[in-house]
Amino acid sequence: MSDSAAPAFQVLLTGARALARADGLDASLRILLGAISEHLGVESAAIFVTGERQEGLELAASIGLGDAAAAGLSAAVRSPTHPIARTFAAPRPVFDVRPTAPGGPALRSHLPLVVTRGGTDLVLGVLALAHERPIDAKVHPGLEAVADLAAVAIERSRTT
């Protein structure tokens, strides 16, 4: 494993343990986001999930966002043109893009949270990261696996 991939490995270890041992979805997601922040130098992270009636995205967990920033971001993702909403609609990871609104860290990355059931991909939400420096391309597969862990945690909470 390269030195640049080691932090993603640490996040995966923490995330797997949280999925297996944390009590409930909220705890699992917060532990996962905390590990991303700690090991990957992300200033803030949020997980948005589909609402109960599939009527849009709701903030499920965040780290590094104050109440006002979380409320503003929650309102902004209601627009289908917002990058988080676009990642949900066209589920492919996007790394190191400039934000659409001023303020906060210089770059954003968005990863869809997808599970496959019965041969069909189900998009459950989006992992959104805000960071100052580009994320090393060697870390991208690790972050995509972290998004998979978050998707499994969300699906698990909905089926139990």
N, C-alpha and C. Protein backbone atom coordinates (compact mmCIF):
# COMPACT_ATOMS: atom_id res chain seq x y z
N MET A 1 0.84 -1.17 0.00
CA MET A 1 0.00 0.00 0.00
C MET A 1 0.89 1.24 0.00
N SER A 2 0.58 2.20 -0.86
CA SER A 2 1.39 3.42 -0.91
C SER A 2 1.08 4.28 0.30
N ASP A 3 2.02 5.16 0.63
CA ASP A 3 1.83 6.06 1.77
C ASP A 3 0.59 6.94 1.59
N SER A 4 0.30 7.34 0.34
CA SER A 4 -0.85 8.21 0.12
C SER A 4 -2.17 7.47 0.29
N ALA A 5 -2.18 6.14 0.14
CA ALA A 5 -3.41 5.36 0.31
C ALA A 5 -3.63 4.95 1.76
N ALA A 6 -2.61 5.03 2.61
CA ALA A 6 -2.72 4.59 4.00
C ALA A 6 -3.83 5.31 4.77
N PRO A 7 -4.02 6.63 4.63
CA PRO A 7 -5.11 7.28 5.37
C PRO A 7 -6.49 6.72 4.99
N ALA A 8 -6.69 6.44 3.70
CA ALA A 8 -7.99 5.88 3.29
C ALA A 8 -8.20 4.51 3.93
N PHE A 9 -7.13 3.74 4.05
CA PHE A 9 -7.21 2.44 4.69
C PHE A 9 -7.64 2.60 6.15
N GLN A 10 -7.09 3.59 6.85
CA GLN A 10 -7.47 3.84 8.24
C GLN A 10 -8.95 4.22 8.34
N VAL A 11 -9.43 5.01 7.39
CA VAL A 11 -10.84 5.39 7.39
C VAL A 11 -11.70 4.14 7.18
N LEU A 12 -11.29 3.27 6.26
CA LEU A 12 -12.04 2.04 6.02
C LEU A 12 -12.08 1.15 7.26
N LEU A 13 -10.94 1.03 7.94
CA LEU A 13 -10.92 0.23 9.18
C LEU A 13 -11.91 0.79 10.20
N THR A 14 -11.85 2.09 10.41
CA THR A 14 -12.75 2.73 11.37
C THR A 14 -14.20 2.57 10.95
N GLY A 15 -14.46 2.76 9.65
CA GLY A 15 -15.82 2.65 9.13
C GLY A 15 -16.38 1.25 9.25
N ALA A 16 -15.56 0.25 8.95
CA ALA A 16 -16.01 -1.14 9.07
C ALA A 16 -16.34 -1.47 10.52
N ARG A 17 -15.50 -1.02 11.42
CA ARG A 17 -15.77 -1.27 12.85
C ARG A 17 -17.04 -0.55 13.30
N ALA A 18 -17.23 0.66 12.82
CA ALA A 18 -18.43 1.41 13.19
C ALA A 18 -19.68 0.71 12.66
N LEU A 19 -19.62 0.23 11.44
CA LEU A 19 -20.76 -0.45 10.85
C LEU A 19 -21.11 -1.71 11.64
N ALA A 20 -20.08 -2.44 12.07
CA ALA A 20 -20.31 -3.68 12.79
C ALA A 20 -20.68 -3.47 14.25
N ARG A 21 -20.17 -2.39 14.87
CA ARG A 21 -20.29 -2.29 16.32
C ARG A 21 -20.99 -1.06 16.87
N ALA A 22 -21.11 -0.02 16.08
CA ALA A 22 -21.76 1.19 16.61
C ALA A 22 -23.26 0.94 16.76
N ASP A 23 -23.84 1.63 17.70
CA ASP A 23 -25.26 1.45 17.99
C ASP A 23 -26.10 2.43 17.19
N GLY A 24 -26.54 2.02 16.02
CA GLY A 24 -27.45 2.83 15.23
C GLY A 24 -26.77 3.57 14.09
N LEU A 25 -27.60 4.02 13.17
CA LEU A 25 -27.13 4.70 11.96
C LEU A 25 -26.41 6.00 12.29
N ASP A 26 -26.98 6.83 13.14
CA ASP A 26 -26.38 8.12 13.46
C ASP A 26 -24.97 7.94 13.98
N ALA A 27 -24.78 7.02 14.91
CA ALA A 27 -23.44 6.78 15.47
C ALA A 27 -22.48 6.28 14.39
N SER A 28 -22.93 5.34 13.57
CA SER A 28 -22.07 4.80 12.50
C SER A 28 -21.62 5.90 11.55
N LEU A 29 -22.55 6.74 11.11
CA LEU A 29 -22.21 7.79 10.16
C LEU A 29 -21.30 8.84 10.78
N ARG A 30 -21.54 9.21 12.00
CA ARG A 30 -20.70 10.22 12.67
C ARG A 30 -19.27 9.69 12.87
N ILE A 31 -19.13 8.43 13.23
CA ILE A 31 -17.80 7.84 13.37
C ILE A 31 -17.09 7.82 12.02
N LEU A 32 -17.80 7.45 10.98
CA LEU A 32 -17.23 7.41 9.63
C LEU A 32 -16.79 8.81 9.20
N LEU A 33 -17.64 9.81 9.40
CA LEU A 33 -17.28 11.18 9.02
C LEU A 33 -16.11 11.69 9.85
N GLY A 34 -16.08 11.35 11.12
CA GLY A 34 -14.96 11.76 11.97
C GLY A 34 -13.64 11.17 11.48
N ALA A 35 -13.67 9.92 11.05
CA ALA A 35 -12.46 9.28 10.52
C ALA A 35 -12.02 9.94 9.23
N ILE A 36 -12.96 10.30 8.37
CA ILE A 36 -12.62 11.00 7.13
C ILE A 36 -11.93 12.32 7.45
N SER A 37 -12.51 13.06 8.38
CA SER A 37 -11.94 14.35 8.76
C SER A 37 -10.54 14.19 9.34
N GLU A 38 -10.39 13.24 10.24
CA GLU A 38 -9.12 13.03 10.93
C GLU A 38 -8.02 12.54 9.99
N HIS A 39 -8.30 11.56 9.18
CA HIS A 39 -7.25 10.91 8.40
C HIS A 39 -7.03 11.51 7.01
N LEU A 40 -8.03 12.22 6.50
CA LEU A 40 -7.89 12.75 5.14
C LEU A 40 -7.84 14.28 5.09
N GLY A 41 -7.84 14.92 6.23
CA GLY A 41 -7.70 16.37 6.25
C GLY A 41 -8.87 17.10 5.62
N VAL A 42 -10.06 16.56 5.78
CA VAL A 42 -11.27 17.18 5.25
C VAL A 42 -11.81 18.12 6.32
N GLU A 43 -12.11 19.35 5.92
CA GLU A 43 -12.58 20.35 6.87
C GLU A 43 -14.01 20.08 7.32
N SER A 44 -14.86 19.65 6.38
CA SER A 44 -16.23 19.30 6.75
C SER A 44 -16.71 18.18 5.83
N ALA A 45 -17.66 17.43 6.35
CA ALA A 45 -18.23 16.31 5.60
C ALA A 45 -19.69 16.18 5.98
N ALA A 46 -20.48 15.75 5.02
CA ALA A 46 -21.91 15.57 5.26
C ALA A 46 -22.41 14.39 4.46
N ILE A 47 -23.41 13.74 5.01
CA ILE A 47 -24.08 12.66 4.29
C ILE A 47 -25.54 13.06 4.15
N PHE A 48 -25.98 13.10 2.91
CA PHE A 48 -27.38 13.37 2.59
C PHE A 48 -28.02 12.08 2.13
N VAL A 49 -29.25 11.84 2.57
CA VAL A 49 -29.97 10.63 2.19
C VAL A 49 -31.35 11.02 1.66
N THR A 50 -31.95 10.09 0.92
CA THR A 50 -33.30 10.32 0.45
C THR A 50 -34.25 10.34 1.64
N GLY A 51 -35.23 11.22 1.56
CA GLY A 51 -36.21 11.31 2.63
C GLY A 51 -37.12 10.09 2.64
N GLU A 52 -37.91 9.99 3.67
CA GLU A 52 -38.81 8.84 3.83
C GLU A 52 -39.75 8.68 2.64
N ARG A 53 -40.20 9.79 2.08
CA ARG A 53 -41.12 9.71 0.94
C ARG A 53 -40.41 9.93 -0.39
N GLN A 54 -39.08 9.79 -0.38
CA GLN A 54 -38.28 9.95 -1.61
C GLN A 54 -38.50 11.32 -2.25
N GLU A 55 -38.71 12.35 -1.44
CA GLU A 55 -39.01 13.69 -1.95
C GLU A 55 -37.82 14.62 -1.92
N GLY A 56 -36.64 14.13 -1.91
CA GLY A 56 -35.46 14.98 -1.87
C GLY A 56 -34.45 14.46 -0.89
N LEU A 57 -33.40 15.21 -0.75
CA LEU A 57 -32.29 14.81 0.12
C LEU A 57 -32.38 15.51 1.47
N GLU A 58 -32.09 14.74 2.51
CA GLU A 58 -32.08 15.26 3.87
C GLU A 58 -30.71 15.03 4.48
N LEU A 59 -30.26 15.96 5.30
CA LEU A 59 -28.99 15.82 5.99
C LEU A 59 -29.12 14.75 7.07
N ALA A 60 -28.33 13.67 6.93
CA ALA A 60 -28.38 12.57 7.90
C ALA A 60 -27.30 12.72 8.96
N ALA A 61 -26.14 13.25 8.57
CA ALA A 61 -25.03 13.41 9.51
C ALA A 61 -24.05 14.40 8.92
N SER A 62 -23.35 15.11 9.81
CA SER A 62 -22.32 16.03 9.33
C SER A 62 -21.27 16.20 10.41
N ILE A 63 -20.13 16.71 9.97
CA ILE A 63 -19.04 17.05 10.88
C ILE A 63 -18.37 18.30 10.31
N GLY A 64 -18.02 19.22 11.19
CA GLY A 64 -17.34 20.43 10.76
C GLY A 64 -18.24 21.51 10.21
N LEU A 65 -19.55 21.32 10.31
CA LEU A 65 -20.51 22.33 9.86
C LEU A 65 -21.23 22.89 11.08
N GLY A 66 -21.29 24.19 11.18
CA GLY A 66 -22.11 24.79 12.22
C GLY A 66 -23.58 24.67 11.85
N ASP A 67 -24.44 25.05 12.78
CA ASP A 67 -25.88 24.95 12.54
C ASP A 67 -26.31 25.77 11.32
N ALA A 68 -25.81 26.99 11.21
CA ALA A 68 -26.20 27.85 10.09
C ALA A 68 -25.72 27.27 8.76
N ALA A 69 -24.48 26.78 8.72
CA ALA A 69 -23.95 26.19 7.48
C ALA A 69 -24.72 24.93 7.11
N ALA A 70 -25.06 24.10 8.09
CA ALA A 70 -25.82 22.87 7.82
C ALA A 70 -27.21 23.22 7.29
N ALA A 71 -27.84 24.22 7.88
CA ALA A 71 -29.18 24.63 7.41
C ALA A 71 -29.11 25.21 6.01
N GLY A 72 -28.09 26.01 5.74
CA GLY A 72 -27.93 26.58 4.40
C GLY A 72 -27.66 25.52 3.35
N LEU A 73 -26.82 24.56 3.68
CA LEU A 73 -26.52 23.48 2.75
C LEU A 73 -27.75 22.62 2.52
N SER A 74 -28.49 22.33 3.57
CA SER A 74 -29.72 21.54 3.44
C SER A 74 -30.72 22.22 2.51
N ALA A 75 -30.82 23.52 2.62
CA ALA A 75 -31.72 24.26 1.73
C ALA A 75 -31.20 24.27 0.30
N ALA A 76 -29.89 24.44 0.15
CA ALA A 76 -29.30 24.53 -1.19
C ALA A 76 -29.45 23.24 -1.99
N VAL A 77 -29.36 22.09 -1.33
CA VAL A 77 -29.42 20.82 -2.08
C VAL A 77 -30.82 20.52 -2.60
N ARG A 78 -31.80 21.31 -2.22
CA ARG A 78 -33.15 21.14 -2.78
C ARG A 78 -33.20 21.53 -4.25
N SER A 79 -32.24 22.34 -4.67
CA SER A 79 -32.18 22.73 -6.08
C SER A 79 -31.57 21.59 -6.89
N PRO A 80 -32.22 21.18 -7.98
CA PRO A 80 -31.66 20.09 -8.79
C PRO A 80 -30.34 20.45 -9.46
N THR A 81 -29.97 21.73 -9.48
CA THR A 81 -28.70 22.14 -10.08
C THR A 81 -27.55 22.13 -9.08
N HIS A 82 -27.85 21.94 -7.80
CA HIS A 82 -26.78 21.90 -6.81
C HIS A 82 -25.91 20.67 -7.06
N PRO A 83 -24.59 20.78 -6.90
CA PRO A 83 -23.71 19.63 -7.18
C PRO A 83 -24.05 18.36 -6.40
N ILE A 84 -24.51 18.49 -5.18
CA ILE A 84 -24.89 17.30 -4.40
C ILE A 84 -26.13 16.66 -5.03
N ALA A 85 -27.12 17.46 -5.38
CA ALA A 85 -28.32 16.94 -6.04
C ALA A 85 -27.97 16.32 -7.40
N ARG A 86 -27.05 16.95 -8.11
CA ARG A 86 -26.63 16.38 -9.41
C ARG A 86 -25.92 15.04 -9.23
N THR A 87 -25.12 14.92 -8.17
CA THR A 87 -24.45 13.64 -7.91
C THR A 87 -25.48 12.57 -7.58
N PHE A 88 -26.53 12.93 -6.88
CA PHE A 88 -27.60 11.98 -6.59
C PHE A 88 -28.30 11.56 -7.88
N ALA A 89 -28.58 12.51 -8.76
CA ALA A 89 -29.32 12.22 -9.99
C ALA A 89 -28.47 11.46 -11.02
N ALA A 90 -27.19 11.76 -11.08
CA ALA A 90 -26.26 11.09 -12.01
C ALA A 90 -25.13 10.52 -11.17
N PRO A 91 -25.35 9.34 -10.60
CA PRO A 91 -24.46 8.84 -9.55
C PRO A 91 -23.07 8.40 -10.02
N ARG A 92 -22.17 9.35 -10.01
CA ARG A 92 -20.75 9.06 -10.24
C ARG A 92 -19.95 10.02 -9.37
N PRO A 93 -18.83 9.54 -8.83
CA PRO A 93 -18.05 10.40 -7.94
C PRO A 93 -17.43 11.58 -8.69
N VAL A 94 -17.36 12.70 -8.00
CA VAL A 94 -16.74 13.90 -8.53
C VAL A 94 -15.76 14.39 -7.47
N PHE A 95 -14.52 14.61 -7.86
CA PHE A 95 -13.48 15.01 -6.91
C PHE A 95 -12.93 16.39 -7.25
N ASP A 96 -12.62 17.15 -6.21
CA ASP A 96 -11.83 18.37 -6.31
C ASP A 96 -12.43 19.43 -7.22
N VAL A 97 -13.71 19.73 -7.05
CA VAL A 97 -14.34 20.79 -7.83
C VAL A 97 -14.49 22.03 -6.97
N ARG A 98 -14.51 23.16 -7.62
CA ARG A 98 -14.70 24.43 -6.91
C ARG A 98 -16.17 24.55 -6.48
N PRO A 99 -16.42 25.13 -5.32
CA PRO A 99 -17.81 25.27 -4.86
C PRO A 99 -18.59 26.25 -5.72
N THR A 100 -19.90 26.07 -5.74
CA THR A 100 -20.76 26.97 -6.50
C THR A 100 -21.07 28.25 -5.74
N ALA A 101 -20.92 28.21 -4.42
CA ALA A 101 -21.18 29.39 -3.59
C ALA A 101 -19.89 29.75 -2.86
N PRO A 102 -19.66 31.04 -2.62
CA PRO A 102 -18.43 31.44 -1.92
C PRO A 102 -18.45 31.03 -0.46
N GLY A 103 -17.26 30.94 0.10
CA GLY A 103 -17.11 30.62 1.51
C GLY A 103 -16.68 29.19 1.72
N GLY A 104 -16.01 28.97 2.84
CA GLY A 104 -15.58 27.63 3.19
C GLY A 104 -14.35 27.20 2.42
N PRO A 105 -14.01 25.91 2.55
CA PRO A 105 -12.82 25.39 1.88
C PRO A 105 -12.89 25.53 0.36
N ALA A 106 -11.74 25.44 -0.27
CA ALA A 106 -11.59 25.73 -1.70
C ALA A 106 -12.18 24.67 -2.62
N LEU A 107 -12.26 23.41 -2.18
CA LEU A 107 -12.66 22.32 -3.07
C LEU A 107 -13.77 21.48 -2.45
N ARG A 108 -14.50 20.80 -3.32
CA ARG A 108 -15.56 19.88 -2.89
C ARG A 108 -15.41 18.56 -3.65
N SER A 109 -15.81 17.49 -2.98
CA SER A 109 -15.89 16.18 -3.62
C SER A 109 -17.22 15.57 -3.20
N HIS A 110 -17.88 14.89 -4.15
CA HIS A 110 -19.19 14.29 -3.90
C HIS A 110 -19.18 12.86 -4.40
N LEU A 111 -19.61 11.94 -3.52
CA LEU A 111 -19.63 10.53 -3.87
C LEU A 111 -21.03 9.97 -3.63
N PRO A 112 -21.59 9.30 -4.64
CA PRO A 112 -22.92 8.71 -4.45
C PRO A 112 -22.85 7.52 -3.50
N LEU A 113 -23.93 7.31 -2.78
CA LEU A 113 -24.07 6.17 -1.88
C LEU A 113 -25.02 5.19 -2.55
N VAL A 114 -24.45 4.10 -3.07
CA VAL A 114 -25.21 3.18 -3.92
C VAL A 114 -25.10 1.75 -3.40
N VAL A 115 -26.23 1.06 -3.41
CA VAL A 115 -26.25 -0.38 -3.19
C VAL A 115 -26.94 -1.01 -4.40
N THR A 116 -26.63 -2.27 -4.64
CA THR A 116 -27.26 -2.99 -5.74
C THR A 116 -28.12 -4.09 -5.16
N ARG A 117 -29.38 -4.10 -5.54
CA ARG A 117 -30.32 -5.12 -5.09
C ARG A 117 -31.12 -5.61 -6.29
N GLY A 118 -31.14 -6.93 -6.45
CA GLY A 118 -31.88 -7.51 -7.57
C GLY A 118 -31.39 -7.03 -8.92
N GLY A 119 -30.10 -6.75 -9.00
CA GLY A 119 -29.52 -6.29 -10.26
C GLY A 119 -29.75 -4.82 -10.56
N THR A 120 -30.36 -4.10 -9.63
CA THR A 120 -30.66 -2.69 -9.83
C THR A 120 -29.88 -1.84 -8.84
N ASP A 121 -29.22 -0.80 -9.33
CA ASP A 121 -28.52 0.13 -8.45
C ASP A 121 -29.54 1.07 -7.80
N LEU A 122 -29.45 1.19 -6.48
CA LEU A 122 -30.29 2.09 -5.72
C LEU A 122 -29.41 3.18 -5.11
N VAL A 123 -29.66 4.42 -5.47
CA VAL A 123 -28.91 5.54 -4.92
C VAL A 123 -29.61 5.97 -3.65
N LEU A 124 -28.90 5.84 -2.53
CA LEU A 124 -29.49 6.15 -1.23
C LEU A 124 -29.14 7.54 -0.74
N GLY A 125 -28.08 8.13 -1.32
CA GLY A 125 -27.66 9.44 -0.86
C GLY A 125 -26.34 9.85 -1.44
N VAL A 126 -25.71 10.84 -0.80
CA VAL A 126 -24.45 11.41 -1.28
C VAL A 126 -23.57 11.74 -0.08
N LEU A 127 -22.30 11.40 -0.19
CA LEU A 127 -21.26 11.82 0.75
C LEU A 127 -20.62 13.07 0.16
N ALA A 128 -20.69 14.18 0.89
CA ALA A 128 -20.15 15.46 0.42
C ALA A 128 -18.99 15.88 1.32
N LEU A 129 -17.87 16.21 0.70
CA LEU A 129 -16.66 16.60 1.42
C LEU A 129 -16.23 18.00 1.00
N ALA A 130 -15.74 18.78 1.94
CA ALA A 130 -15.17 20.10 1.65
C ALA A 130 -13.73 20.09 2.17
N HIS A 131 -12.80 20.49 1.31
CA HIS A 131 -11.38 20.38 1.65
C HIS A 131 -10.58 21.45 0.93
N GLU A 132 -9.41 21.77 1.47
CA GLU A 132 -8.56 22.82 0.91
C GLU A 132 -7.66 22.32 -0.22
N ARG A 133 -7.14 21.11 -0.07
CA ARG A 133 -6.19 20.58 -1.06
C ARG A 133 -6.83 19.46 -1.86
N PRO A 134 -6.39 19.27 -3.10
CA PRO A 134 -6.92 18.15 -3.89
C PRO A 134 -6.69 16.82 -3.18
N ILE A 135 -7.60 15.90 -3.39
CA ILE A 135 -7.48 14.56 -2.83
C ILE A 135 -6.65 13.74 -3.81
N ASP A 136 -5.59 13.13 -3.32
CA ASP A 136 -4.70 12.31 -4.15
C ASP A 136 -5.52 11.25 -4.87
N ALA A 137 -5.31 11.09 -6.16
CA ALA A 137 -6.05 10.11 -6.96
C ALA A 137 -5.91 8.69 -6.42
N LYS A 138 -4.81 8.40 -5.74
CA LYS A 138 -4.64 7.07 -5.16
C LYS A 138 -5.61 6.81 -4.01
N VAL A 139 -6.18 7.87 -3.47
CA VAL A 139 -7.12 7.76 -2.35
C VAL A 139 -8.56 7.59 -2.86
N HIS A 140 -8.81 7.95 -4.10
CA HIS A 140 -10.18 7.90 -4.63
C HIS A 140 -10.85 6.55 -4.44
N PRO A 141 -10.20 5.42 -4.80
CA PRO A 141 -10.87 4.13 -4.59
C PRO A 141 -11.21 3.87 -3.12
N GLY A 142 -10.35 4.29 -2.22
CA GLY A 142 -10.63 4.13 -0.80
C GLY A 142 -11.84 4.95 -0.37
N LEU A 143 -11.95 6.18 -0.87
CA LEU A 143 -13.12 7.00 -0.54
C LEU A 143 -14.39 6.42 -1.14
N GLU A 144 -14.29 5.84 -2.32
CA GLU A 144 -15.46 5.20 -2.92
C GLU A 144 -15.89 4.00 -2.07
N ALA A 145 -14.94 3.27 -1.50
CA ALA A 145 -15.28 2.16 -0.60
C ALA A 145 -15.90 2.69 0.69
N VAL A 146 -15.43 3.82 1.17
CA VAL A 146 -16.03 4.45 2.35
C VAL A 146 -17.49 4.82 2.05
N ALA A 147 -17.74 5.36 0.86
CA ALA A 147 -19.11 5.67 0.46
C ALA A 147 -19.96 4.40 0.43
N ASP A 148 -19.37 3.29 -0.01
CA ASP A 148 -20.09 2.01 -0.01
C ASP A 148 -20.45 1.59 1.41
N LEU A 149 -19.53 1.78 2.36
CA LEU A 149 -19.83 1.46 3.76
C LEU A 149 -21.00 2.31 4.27
N ALA A 150 -20.99 3.58 3.94
CA ALA A 150 -22.08 4.46 4.37
C ALA A 150 -23.40 3.99 3.76
N ALA A 151 -23.37 3.58 2.49
CA ALA A 151 -24.59 3.09 1.83
C ALA A 151 -25.12 1.84 2.52
N VAL A 152 -24.23 0.94 2.88
CA VAL A 152 -24.63 -0.29 3.57
C VAL A 152 -25.24 0.05 4.93
N ALA A 153 -24.64 0.99 5.65
CA ALA A 153 -25.17 1.40 6.95
C ALA A 153 -26.58 1.96 6.80
N ILE A 154 -26.79 2.78 5.78
CA ILE A 154 -28.10 3.38 5.55
C ILE A 154 -29.12 2.31 5.18
N GLU A 155 -28.76 1.43 4.26
CA GLU A 155 -29.68 0.38 3.85
C GLU A 155 -30.01 -0.54 5.03
N ARG A 156 -29.01 -0.87 5.79
CA ARG A 156 -29.20 -1.74 6.96
C ARG A 156 -30.18 -1.12 7.94
N SER A 157 -30.08 0.19 8.14
CA SER A 157 -30.99 0.87 9.08
C SER A 157 -32.42 0.87 8.58
N ARG A 158 -32.60 0.81 7.28
CA ARG A 158 -33.94 0.84 6.71
C ARG A 158 -34.60 -0.53 6.65
N THR A 159 -33.81 -1.56 6.75
CA THR A 159 -34.37 -2.91 6.64
C THR A 159 -34.46 -3.62 7.98
N THR A 160 -33.99 -2.98 9.05
CA THR A 160 -34.07 -3.64 10.37
C THR A 160 -35.08 -2.99 11.26
